[in-house]
PDB file of all heavy atoms in Angstrom:
ATOM      1  N   SER A   1     -19.133 -20.412  24.450  1.00  0.00           N
ATOM      2  CA  SER A   1     -19.853 -19.148  24.457  1.00  0.00           C
ATOM      3  C   SER A   1     -20.668 -19.033  25.734  1.00  0.00           C
ATOM      4  O   SER A   1     -20.988 -20.030  26.379  1.00  0.00           O
ATOM      5  CB  SER A   1     -20.761 -19.006  23.235  1.00  0.00           C
ATOM      6  OG  SER A   1     -21.805 -19.963  23.259  1.00  0.00           O
ATOM      7  N   ILE A   2     -21.013 -17.795  26.084  1.00  0.00           N
ATOM      8  CA  ILE A   2     -21.801 -17.499  27.266  1.00  0.00           C
ATOM      9  C   ILE A   2     -23.041 -16.729  26.850  1.00  0.00           C
ATOM     10  O   ILE A   2     -22.938 -15.709  26.161  1.00  0.00           O
ATOM     11  CB  ILE A   2     -21.010 -16.676  28.294  1.00  0.00           C
ATOM     12  CG1 ILE A   2     -19.729 -17.409  28.688  1.00  0.00           C
ATOM     13  CG2 ILE A   2     -21.862 -16.373  29.524  1.00  0.00           C
ATOM     14  CD1 ILE A   2     -18.844 -16.632  29.633  1.00  0.00           C
ATOM     15  N   GLY A   3     -24.182 -17.212  27.266  1.00  0.00           N
ATOM     16  CA  GLY A   3     -25.429 -16.532  26.973  1.00  0.00           C
ATOM     17  C   GLY A   3     -25.853 -15.643  28.117  1.00  0.00           C
ATOM     18  O   GLY A   3     -25.053 -14.893  28.674  1.00  0.00           O
ATOM     19  N   THR A   4     -27.119 -15.726  28.486  1.00  0.00           N
ATOM     20  CA  THR A   4     -27.643 -14.922  29.578  1.00  0.00           C
ATOM     21  C   THR A   4     -26.987 -15.303  30.900  1.00  0.00           C
ATOM     22  O   THR A   4     -26.766 -16.484  31.179  1.00  0.00           O
ATOM     23  CB  THR A   4     -29.162 -15.094  29.682  1.00  0.00           C
ATOM     24  OG1 THR A   4     -29.768 -14.610  28.482  1.00  0.00           O
ATOM     25  CG2 THR A   4     -29.731 -14.326  30.862  1.00  0.00           C
ATOM     26  N   MET A   5     -26.688 -14.300  31.723  1.00  0.00           N
ATOM     27  CA  MET A   5     -26.122 -14.512  33.043  1.00  0.00           C
ATOM     28  C   MET A   5     -27.035 -13.852  34.067  1.00  0.00           C
ATOM     29  O   MET A   5     -27.632 -12.805  33.794  1.00  0.00           O
ATOM     30  CB  MET A   5     -24.706 -13.947  33.138  1.00  0.00           C
ATOM     31  CG  MET A   5     -23.771 -14.481  32.055  1.00  0.00           C
ATOM     32  SD  MET A   5     -22.058 -13.909  32.201  1.00  0.00           S
ATOM     33  CE  MET A   5     -21.449 -15.043  33.454  1.00  0.00           C
ATOM     34  N   ASN A   6     -27.138 -14.473  35.234  1.00  0.00           N
ATOM     35  CA  ASN A   6     -28.099 -14.033  36.238  1.00  0.00           C
ATOM     36  C   ASN A   6     -27.488 -14.057  37.633  1.00  0.00           C
ATOM     37  O   ASN A   6     -26.527 -14.779  37.904  1.00  0.00           O
ATOM     38  CB  ASN A   6     -29.327 -14.951  36.272  1.00  0.00           C
ATOM     39  CG  ASN A   6     -29.917 -15.197  34.906  1.00  0.00           C
ATOM     40  OD1 ASN A   6     -30.602 -14.335  34.359  1.00  0.00           O
ATOM     41  ND2 ASN A   6     -29.667 -16.377  34.345  1.00  0.00           N
ATOM     42  N   TRP A   7     -28.087 -13.261  38.508  1.00  0.00           N
ATOM     43  CA  TRP A   7     -27.851 -13.357  39.939  1.00  0.00           C
ATOM     44  C   TRP A   7     -29.166 -13.688  40.629  1.00  0.00           C
ATOM     45  O   TRP A   7     -30.180 -13.031  40.385  1.00  0.00           O
ATOM     46  CB  TRP A   7     -27.294 -12.052  40.515  1.00  0.00           C
ATOM     47  CG  TRP A   7     -25.857 -11.821  40.195  1.00  0.00           C
ATOM     48  CD1 TRP A   7     -25.345 -11.026  39.214  1.00  0.00           C
ATOM     49  CD2 TRP A   7     -24.729 -12.387  40.871  1.00  0.00           C
ATOM     50  NE1 TRP A   7     -23.980 -11.060  39.226  1.00  0.00           N
ATOM     51  CE2 TRP A   7     -23.573 -11.886  40.243  1.00  0.00           C
ATOM     52  CE3 TRP A   7     -24.584 -13.262  41.951  1.00  0.00           C
ATOM     53  CZ2 TRP A   7     -22.283 -12.232  40.655  1.00  0.00           C
ATOM     54  CZ3 TRP A   7     -23.310 -13.612  42.353  1.00  0.00           C
ATOM     55  CH2 TRP A   7     -22.176 -13.099  41.714  1.00  0.00           C
ATOM     56  N   TYR A   8     -29.127 -14.709  41.475  1.00  0.00           N
ATOM     57  CA  TYR A   8     -30.237 -15.090  42.330  1.00  0.00           C
ATOM     58  C   TYR A   8     -29.819 -14.911  43.781  1.00  0.00           C
ATOM     59  O   TYR A   8     -28.629 -14.816  44.093  1.00  0.00           O
ATOM     60  CB  TYR A   8     -30.626 -16.549  42.118  1.00  0.00           C
ATOM     61  CG  TYR A   8     -31.361 -16.867  40.832  1.00  0.00           C
ATOM     62  CD1 TYR A   8     -30.685 -16.968  39.625  1.00  0.00           C
ATOM     63  CD2 TYR A   8     -32.734 -17.093  40.840  1.00  0.00           C
ATOM     64  CE1 TYR A   8     -31.347 -17.278  38.453  1.00  0.00           C
ATOM     65  CE2 TYR A   8     -33.411 -17.408  39.673  1.00  0.00           C
ATOM     66  CZ  TYR A   8     -32.712 -17.502  38.486  1.00  0.00           C
ATOM     67  OH  TYR A   8     -33.385 -17.821  37.330  1.00  0.00           O
ATOM     68  N   ARG A   9     -30.804 -14.889  44.678  1.00  0.00           N
ATOM     69  CA  ARG A   9     -30.500 -14.902  46.099  1.00  0.00           C
ATOM     70  C   ARG A   9     -31.547 -15.732  46.828  1.00  0.00           C
ATOM     71  O   ARG A   9     -32.670 -15.887  46.361  1.00  0.00           O
ATOM     72  CB  ARG A   9     -30.429 -13.497  46.686  1.00  0.00           C
ATOM     73  CG  ARG A   9     -31.743 -12.741  46.712  1.00  0.00           C
ATOM     74  CD  ARG A   9     -31.518 -11.309  47.194  1.00  0.00           C
ATOM     75  NE  ARG A   9     -32.753 -10.545  47.265  1.00  0.00           N
ATOM     76  CZ  ARG A   9     -32.809  -9.243  47.506  1.00  0.00           C
ATOM     77  NH1 ARG A   9     -31.686  -8.550  47.703  1.00  0.00           N
ATOM     78  NH2 ARG A   9     -33.986  -8.629  47.559  1.00  0.00           N
ATOM     79  N   GLN A  10     -31.146 -16.254  47.980  1.00  0.00           N
ATOM     80  CA  GLN A  10     -32.048 -17.094  48.748  1.00  0.00           C
ATOM     81  C   GLN A  10     -31.821 -16.896  50.237  1.00  0.00           C
ATOM     82  O   GLN A  10     -30.683 -16.908  50.710  1.00  0.00           O
ATOM     83  CB  GLN A  10     -31.865 -18.565  48.391  1.00  0.00           C
ATOM     84  CG  GLN A  10     -32.901 -19.493  49.007  1.00  0.00           C
ATOM     85  CD  GLN A  10     -32.893 -20.869  48.379  1.00  0.00           C
ATOM     86  OE1 GLN A  10     -31.861 -21.328  47.891  1.00  0.00           O
ATOM     87  NE2 GLN A  10     -34.033 -21.536  48.382  1.00  0.00           N
ATOM     88  N   VAL A  11     -32.916 -16.713  50.961  1.00  0.00           N
ATOM     89  CA  VAL A  11     -32.923 -16.618  52.410  1.00  0.00           C
ATOM     90  C   VAL A  11     -33.447 -17.944  52.952  1.00  0.00           C
ATOM     91  O   VAL A  11     -34.370 -18.526  52.370  1.00  0.00           O
ATOM     92  CB  VAL A  11     -33.813 -15.451  52.881  1.00  0.00           C
ATOM     93  CG1 VAL A  11     -33.888 -15.392  54.393  1.00  0.00           C
ATOM     94  CG2 VAL A  11     -33.305 -14.134  52.314  1.00  0.00           C
ATOM     95  N   PRO A  12     -32.895 -18.443  54.054  1.00  0.00           N
ATOM     96  CA  PRO A  12     -33.410 -19.690  54.616  1.00  0.00           C
ATOM     97  C   PRO A  12     -34.911 -19.650  54.822  1.00  0.00           C
ATOM     98  O   PRO A  12     -35.447 -18.682  55.374  1.00  0.00           O
ATOM     99  CB  PRO A  12     -32.671 -19.800  55.956  1.00  0.00           C
ATOM    100  CG  PRO A  12     -31.378 -19.094  55.712  1.00  0.00           C
ATOM    101  CD  PRO A  12     -31.734 -17.941  54.806  1.00  0.00           C
ATOM    102  N   GLY A  13     -35.596 -20.683  54.349  1.00  0.00           N
ATOM    103  CA  GLY A  13     -37.038 -20.756  54.466  1.00  0.00           C
ATOM    104  C   GLY A  13     -37.807 -20.047  53.376  1.00  0.00           C
ATOM    105  O   GLY A  13     -39.039 -20.119  53.354  1.00  0.00           O
ATOM    106  N   LYS A  14     -37.102 -19.360  52.477  1.00  0.00           N
ATOM    107  CA  LYS A  14     -37.749 -18.628  51.392  1.00  0.00           C
ATOM    108  C   LYS A  14     -37.348 -19.218  50.041  1.00  0.00           C
ATOM    109  O   LYS A  14     -36.345 -19.926  49.918  1.00  0.00           O
ATOM    110  CB  LYS A  14     -37.370 -17.145  51.439  1.00  0.00           C
ATOM    111  CG  LYS A  14     -37.713 -16.439  52.745  1.00  0.00           C
ATOM    112  CD  LYS A  14     -39.206 -16.261  52.903  1.00  0.00           C
ATOM    113  CE  LYS A  14     -39.517 -15.504  54.193  1.00  0.00           C
ATOM    114  NZ  LYS A  14     -39.000 -14.127  54.159  1.00  0.00           N
ATOM    115  N   GLU A  15     -38.148 -18.906  49.037  1.00  0.00           N
ATOM    116  CA  GLU A  15     -37.844 -19.348  47.684  1.00  0.00           C
ATOM    117  C   GLU A  15     -36.678 -18.555  47.116  1.00  0.00           C
ATOM    118  O   GLU A  15     -36.453 -17.399  47.465  1.00  0.00           O
ATOM    119  CB  GLU A  15     -39.064 -19.181  46.785  1.00  0.00           C
ATOM    120  CG  GLU A  15     -40.243 -20.055  47.151  1.00  0.00           C
ATOM    121  CD  GLU A  15     -41.399 -19.905  46.183  1.00  0.00           C
ATOM    122  OE1 GLU A  15     -41.373 -18.970  45.357  1.00  0.00           O
ATOM    123  OE2 GLU A  15     -42.327 -20.728  46.244  1.00  0.00           O
ATOM    124  N   ARG A  16     -35.929 -19.204  46.234  1.00  0.00           N
ATOM    125  CA  ARG A  16     -34.846 -18.519  45.551  1.00  0.00           C
ATOM    126  C   ARG A  16     -35.429 -17.454  44.621  1.00  0.00           C
ATOM    127  O   ARG A  16     -36.369 -17.718  43.866  1.00  0.00           O
ATOM    128  CB  ARG A  16     -33.998 -19.517  44.774  1.00  0.00           C
ATOM    129  CG  ARG A  16     -32.722 -18.922  44.195  1.00  0.00           C
ATOM    130  CD  ARG A  16     -31.768 -20.002  43.696  1.00  0.00           C
ATOM    131  NE  ARG A  16     -31.291 -20.849  44.778  1.00  0.00           N
ATOM    132  CZ  ARG A  16     -30.347 -21.776  44.643  1.00  0.00           C
ATOM    133  NH1 ARG A  16     -29.786 -21.981  43.462  1.00  0.00           N
ATOM    134  NH2 ARG A  16     -29.980 -22.509  45.684  1.00  0.00           N
ATOM    135  N   GLU A  17     -34.851 -16.267  44.655  1.00  0.00           N
ATOM    136  CA  GLU A  17     -35.368 -15.108  43.954  1.00  0.00           C
ATOM    137  C   GLU A  17     -34.395 -14.651  42.877  1.00  0.00           C
ATOM    138  O   GLU A  17     -33.198 -14.519  43.124  1.00  0.00           O
ATOM    139  CB  GLU A  17     -35.608 -13.959  44.952  1.00  0.00           C
ATOM    140  CG  GLU A  17     -36.003 -12.633  44.327  1.00  0.00           C
ATOM    141  CD  GLU A  17     -35.975 -11.480  45.308  1.00  0.00           C
ATOM    142  OE1 GLU A  17     -35.313 -11.610  46.369  1.00  0.00           O
ATOM    143  OE2 GLU A  17     -36.611 -10.449  45.036  1.00  0.00           O
ATOM    144  N   LEU A  18     -34.916 -14.389  41.692  1.00  0.00           N
ATOM    145  CA  LEU A  18     -34.100 -13.802  40.632  1.00  0.00           C
ATOM    146  C   LEU A  18     -33.905 -12.320  40.927  1.00  0.00           C
ATOM    147  O   LEU A  18     -34.871 -11.563  40.998  1.00  0.00           O
ATOM    148  CB  LEU A  18     -34.766 -13.990  39.271  1.00  0.00           C
ATOM    149  CG  LEU A  18     -34.061 -13.353  38.072  1.00  0.00           C
ATOM    150  CD1 LEU A  18     -32.669 -13.939  37.876  1.00  0.00           C
ATOM    151  CD2 LEU A  18     -34.895 -13.534  36.804  1.00  0.00           C
ATOM    152  N   VAL A  19     -32.659 -11.915  41.079  1.00  0.00           N
ATOM    153  CA  VAL A  19     -32.324 -10.541  41.431  1.00  0.00           C
ATOM    154  C   VAL A  19     -32.078  -9.690  40.193  1.00  0.00           C
ATOM    155  O   VAL A  19     -32.573  -8.567  40.082  1.00  0.00           O
ATOM    156  CB  VAL A  19     -31.092 -10.504  42.355  1.00  0.00           C
ATOM    157  CG1 VAL A  19     -30.660  -9.065  42.630  1.00  0.00           C
ATOM    158  CG2 VAL A  19     -31.390 -11.237  43.660  1.00  0.00           C
ATOM    159  N   ALA A  20     -31.279 -10.219  39.276  1.00  0.00           N
ATOM    160  CA  ALA A  20     -30.905  -9.458  38.088  1.00  0.00           C
ATOM    161  C   ALA A  20     -30.492 -10.400  36.979  1.00  0.00           C
ATOM    162  O   ALA A  20     -29.999 -11.505  37.238  1.00  0.00           O
ATOM    163  CB  ALA A  20     -29.763  -8.486  38.393  1.00  0.00           C
ATOM    164  N   THR A  21     -30.679  -9.968  35.746  1.00  0.00           N
ATOM    165  CA  THR A  21     -30.299 -10.768  34.599  1.00  0.00           C
ATOM    166  C   THR A  21     -29.703  -9.863  33.528  1.00  0.00           C
ATOM    167  O   THR A  21     -30.080  -8.692  33.410  1.00  0.00           O
ATOM    168  CB  THR A  21     -31.516 -11.544  34.041  1.00  0.00           C
ATOM    169  OG1 THR A  21     -31.104 -12.398  32.974  1.00  0.00           O
ATOM    170  CG2 THR A  21     -32.587 -10.591  33.536  1.00  0.00           C
ATOM    171  N   ILE A  22     -28.773 -10.408  32.762  1.00  0.00           N
ATOM    172  CA  ILE A  22     -28.168  -9.667  31.664  1.00  0.00           C
ATOM    173  C   ILE A  22     -27.955 -10.621  30.496  1.00  0.00           C
ATOM    174  O   ILE A  22     -27.404 -11.707  30.652  1.00  0.00           O
ATOM    175  CB  ILE A  22     -26.846  -8.985  32.095  1.00  0.00           C
ATOM    176  CG1 ILE A  22     -26.260  -8.157  30.940  1.00  0.00           C
ATOM    177  CG2 ILE A  22     -25.833  -9.998  32.614  1.00  0.00           C
ATOM    178  CD1 ILE A  22     -25.138  -7.224  31.387  1.00  0.00           C
ATOM    179  N   THR A  23     -28.413 -10.229  29.321  1.00  0.00           N
ATOM    180  CA  THR A  23     -28.273 -11.057  28.139  1.00  0.00           C
ATOM    181  C   THR A  23     -26.906 -10.866  27.513  1.00  0.00           C
ATOM    182  O   THR A  23     -26.133  -9.982  27.890  1.00  0.00           O
ATOM    183  CB  THR A  23     -29.353 -10.723  27.102  1.00  0.00           C
ATOM    184  OG1 THR A  23     -29.094  -9.428  26.551  1.00  0.00           O
ATOM    185  CG2 THR A  23     -30.738 -10.749  27.725  1.00  0.00           C
ATOM    186  N   SER A  24     -26.600 -11.697  26.529  1.00  0.00           N
ATOM    187  CA  SER A  24     -25.330 -11.574  25.828  1.00  0.00           C
ATOM    188  C   SER A  24     -25.218 -10.247  25.087  1.00  0.00           C
ATOM    189  O   SER A  24     -24.105  -9.774  24.830  1.00  0.00           O
ATOM    190  CB  SER A  24     -25.144 -12.734  24.854  1.00  0.00           C
ATOM    191  OG  SER A  24     -26.191 -12.780  23.899  1.00  0.00           O
ATOM    192  N   ALA A  25     -26.357  -9.652  24.751  1.00  0.00           N
ATOM    193  CA  ALA A  25     -26.376  -8.350  24.092  1.00  0.00           C
ATOM    194  C   ALA A  25     -26.315  -7.186  25.067  1.00  0.00           C
ATOM    195  O   ALA A  25     -26.240  -6.032  24.639  1.00  0.00           O
ATOM    196  CB  ALA A  25     -27.619  -8.225  23.217  1.00  0.00           C
ATOM    197  N   GLY A  26     -26.380  -7.476  26.376  1.00  0.00           N
ATOM    198  CA  GLY A  26     -26.266  -6.434  27.374  1.00  0.00           C
ATOM    199  C   GLY A  26     -27.576  -5.909  27.925  1.00  0.00           C
ATOM    200  O   GLY A  26     -27.561  -4.969  28.729  1.00  0.00           O
ATOM    201  N   SER A  27     -28.702  -6.480  27.530  1.00  0.00           N
ATOM    202  CA  SER A  27     -29.985  -6.063  28.084  1.00  0.00           C
ATOM    203  C   SER A  27     -30.110  -6.540  29.523  1.00  0.00           C
ATOM    204  O   SER A  27     -29.762  -7.680  29.835  1.00  0.00           O
ATOM    205  CB  SER A  27     -31.134  -6.615  27.259  1.00  0.00           C
ATOM    206  OG  SER A  27     -31.092  -6.114  25.938  1.00  0.00           O
ATOM    207  N   THR A  28     -30.620  -5.685  30.399  1.00  0.00           N
ATOM    208  CA  THR A  28     -30.701  -5.999  31.825  1.00  0.00           C
ATOM    209  C   THR A  28     -32.121  -5.893  32.345  1.00  0.00           C
ATOM    210  O   THR A  28     -32.938  -5.127  31.831  1.00  0.00           O
ATOM    211  CB  THR A  28     -29.803  -5.063  32.651  1.00  0.00           C
ATOM    212  OG1 THR A  28     -30.216  -3.704  32.441  1.00  0.00           O
ATOM    213  CG2 THR A  28     -28.350  -5.208  32.236  1.00  0.00           C
TER     214      THR A  28
END
């Protein structure tokens, strides 16, 4: 099974940032 799925992004020298998330129920 697959639960929550996310996209992160990271720029050199910066912290990794959560861009978007979607739950198994489709909440974003």
